[in-house]
Structure formats: C-alpha cells, structure tokens
Protein backbone atom coordinates (compact mmCIF):
# COMPACT_ATOMS: atom_id res chain seq x y z
CA MET A 1 0.25 0.32 -0.38
CA ASN A 2 1.84 3.33 -0.86
CA GLU A 3 1.15 6.63 0.91
CA ARG A 4 -1.23 7.73 -0.54
CA GLN A 5 -3.48 5.04 0.04
CA GLN A 6 -2.88 4.89 3.35
CA LEU A 7 -3.25 8.14 3.64
CA ARG A 8 -6.85 8.18 2.61
CA PHE A 9 -7.40 4.58 4.77
CA ALA A 10 -6.29 6.56 7.73
CA LEU A 11 -8.00 9.79 7.14
CA ALA A 12 -11.30 6.88 6.51
CA ALA A 13 -10.06 5.84 10.23
CA LEU A 14 -9.76 9.54 11.73
CA ALA A 15 -13.45 9.77 10.68
CA ALA A 16 -14.70 6.34 12.28
CA GLY A 17 -12.83 7.48 15.45
CA VAL A 18 -14.64 10.31 15.24
CA ALA A 19 -17.67 9.19 14.59
CA TRP A 20 -17.88 6.62 17.05
CA GLY A 21 -16.08 8.13 19.61
CA TYR A 22 -19.30 11.03 19.39
CA PHE A 23 -21.72 7.88 19.67
CA ARG A 24 -20.20 6.62 23.12
CA HIS A 25 -19.45 9.67 24.39
CA ARG A 26 -22.36 11.48 23.75
CA GLY A 27 -24.50 11.73 27.47
CA GLY A 28 -20.92 12.55 28.56
CA LYS A 29 -19.76 15.79 29.57
CA HIS A 30 -17.31 16.76 26.84
CA PRO A 31 -18.43 14.04 23.89
CA ILE A 32 -16.78 16.23 21.51
CA THR A 33 -13.50 16.54 23.15
CA HIS A 34 -13.60 12.55 23.22
CA ALA A 35 -14.78 12.11 19.52
CA VAL A 36 -11.76 13.95 18.59
CA LEU A 37 -8.88 12.20 20.96
CA GLN A 38 -10.72 8.83 19.34
CA GLY A 39 -10.38 9.97 15.79
CA ILE A 40 -7.08 11.12 16.35
CA GLU A 41 -6.09 7.98 18.08
CA TRP A 42 -7.56 5.66 15.19
CA PHE A 43 -6.00 7.92 12.66
CA VAL A 44 -2.43 7.55 13.81
CA ALA A 45 -3.34 3.81 14.96
CA TYR A 46 -3.83 2.92 10.91
CA GLY A 47 -0.62 4.60 9.98
CA GLY A 48 -1.87 8.22 8.83
CA ALA A 49 0.68 10.10 11.13
CA VAL A 50 3.18 7.91 9.41
CA ALA A 51 2.18 8.52 5.61
CA LEU A 52 1.75 12.24 6.82
CA ILE A 53 5.66 12.44 7.69
CA SER A 54 6.84 10.90 4.55
CA GLY A 55 5.14 12.82 2.78
CA LEU A 56 6.58 16.10 4.22
CA ARG A 57 9.90 14.59 3.84
CA GLU A 58 9.45 13.86 -0.02
CA ARG A 59 8.49 17.48 -0.46
CA LEU A 60 11.02 18.10 0.80
CA GLN A 61 13.17 16.19 -0.95
CA GLU A 62 11.99 17.83 -4.05
CA VAL A 63 12.67 20.93 -2.66
CA GLU A 64 16.09 21.05 -1.26
CA PRO A 65 17.65 17.78 -3.19
CA GLU A 66 21.35 18.43 -2.33
CA ILE A 67 20.34 17.46 0.91
CA GLU A 68 21.16 13.40 1.23
CA GLU A 69 21.76 13.20 5.02
CA ARG A 70 20.55 13.94 8.22
CA ILE A 71 22.40 14.41 11.20
CA THR A 72 21.13 11.96 13.92
CA HIS A 73 23.25 13.07 16.78
CA PHE A 74 26.29 15.34 17.84
CA ARG A 75 29.80 14.26 19.76
CA GLN A 76 31.61 16.60 21.86
CA VAL A 77 34.61 16.14 23.12
CA VAL A 78 36.19 17.69 26.20
CA THR A 79 39.55 18.11 27.12
CA GLU A 80 40.07 19.02 30.04
CA HIS A 81 43.67 21.01 30.86
CA THR A 82 45.17 21.21 34.23
CA GLY A 83 48.48 23.29 33.55
CA THR A 84 50.83 21.45 35.02
CA ASP A 85 53.71 19.43 33.01
CA GLY A 86 54.01 16.26 34.04
C-alpha cells in the first residue's frame, strides 16, 4: 500500500473514530473532545502519522534535493588541561 492509499485509509479511520467517539460519549460532559481524541487515536493507529511524515519528507527532498544525509546526533569531546606538565 503506497503512502497516498495509506493516508486515505487513515483519514477514513479518523472519520470513523470521530463518529464512534461521539456515539460512545454523547451523554457525557465533553462528547466532542472525546470524539476528536478517538479519531486522532485511530488515525495514528492506522498509519496516518507515518504517511503524513513520509509525504512531507518527500516534498522536502523535492525542494532541497542536495541534502542526502540527516544528522542524528552530535558528539562533543571535552579535553581538560590542568596547567601542570608531568
């Protein structure tokens, strides 16, 4: 499944999650909040976040194609000089 299909599937899960969350919590104090949280949870669970991030990463590669590496961490070396010889 490519990213576009994955994103559509996750958006459908978002809509279903919002509907289910509202139906489940409609008698509570904050039904819309619970519905939105349920929708987001289902969106992430069905790969929506991964599809969005990979799509954004591809678009960034189109804008700046010369960047091929990502820096994942820096290493710092600290040398202590005591001021005495020997």
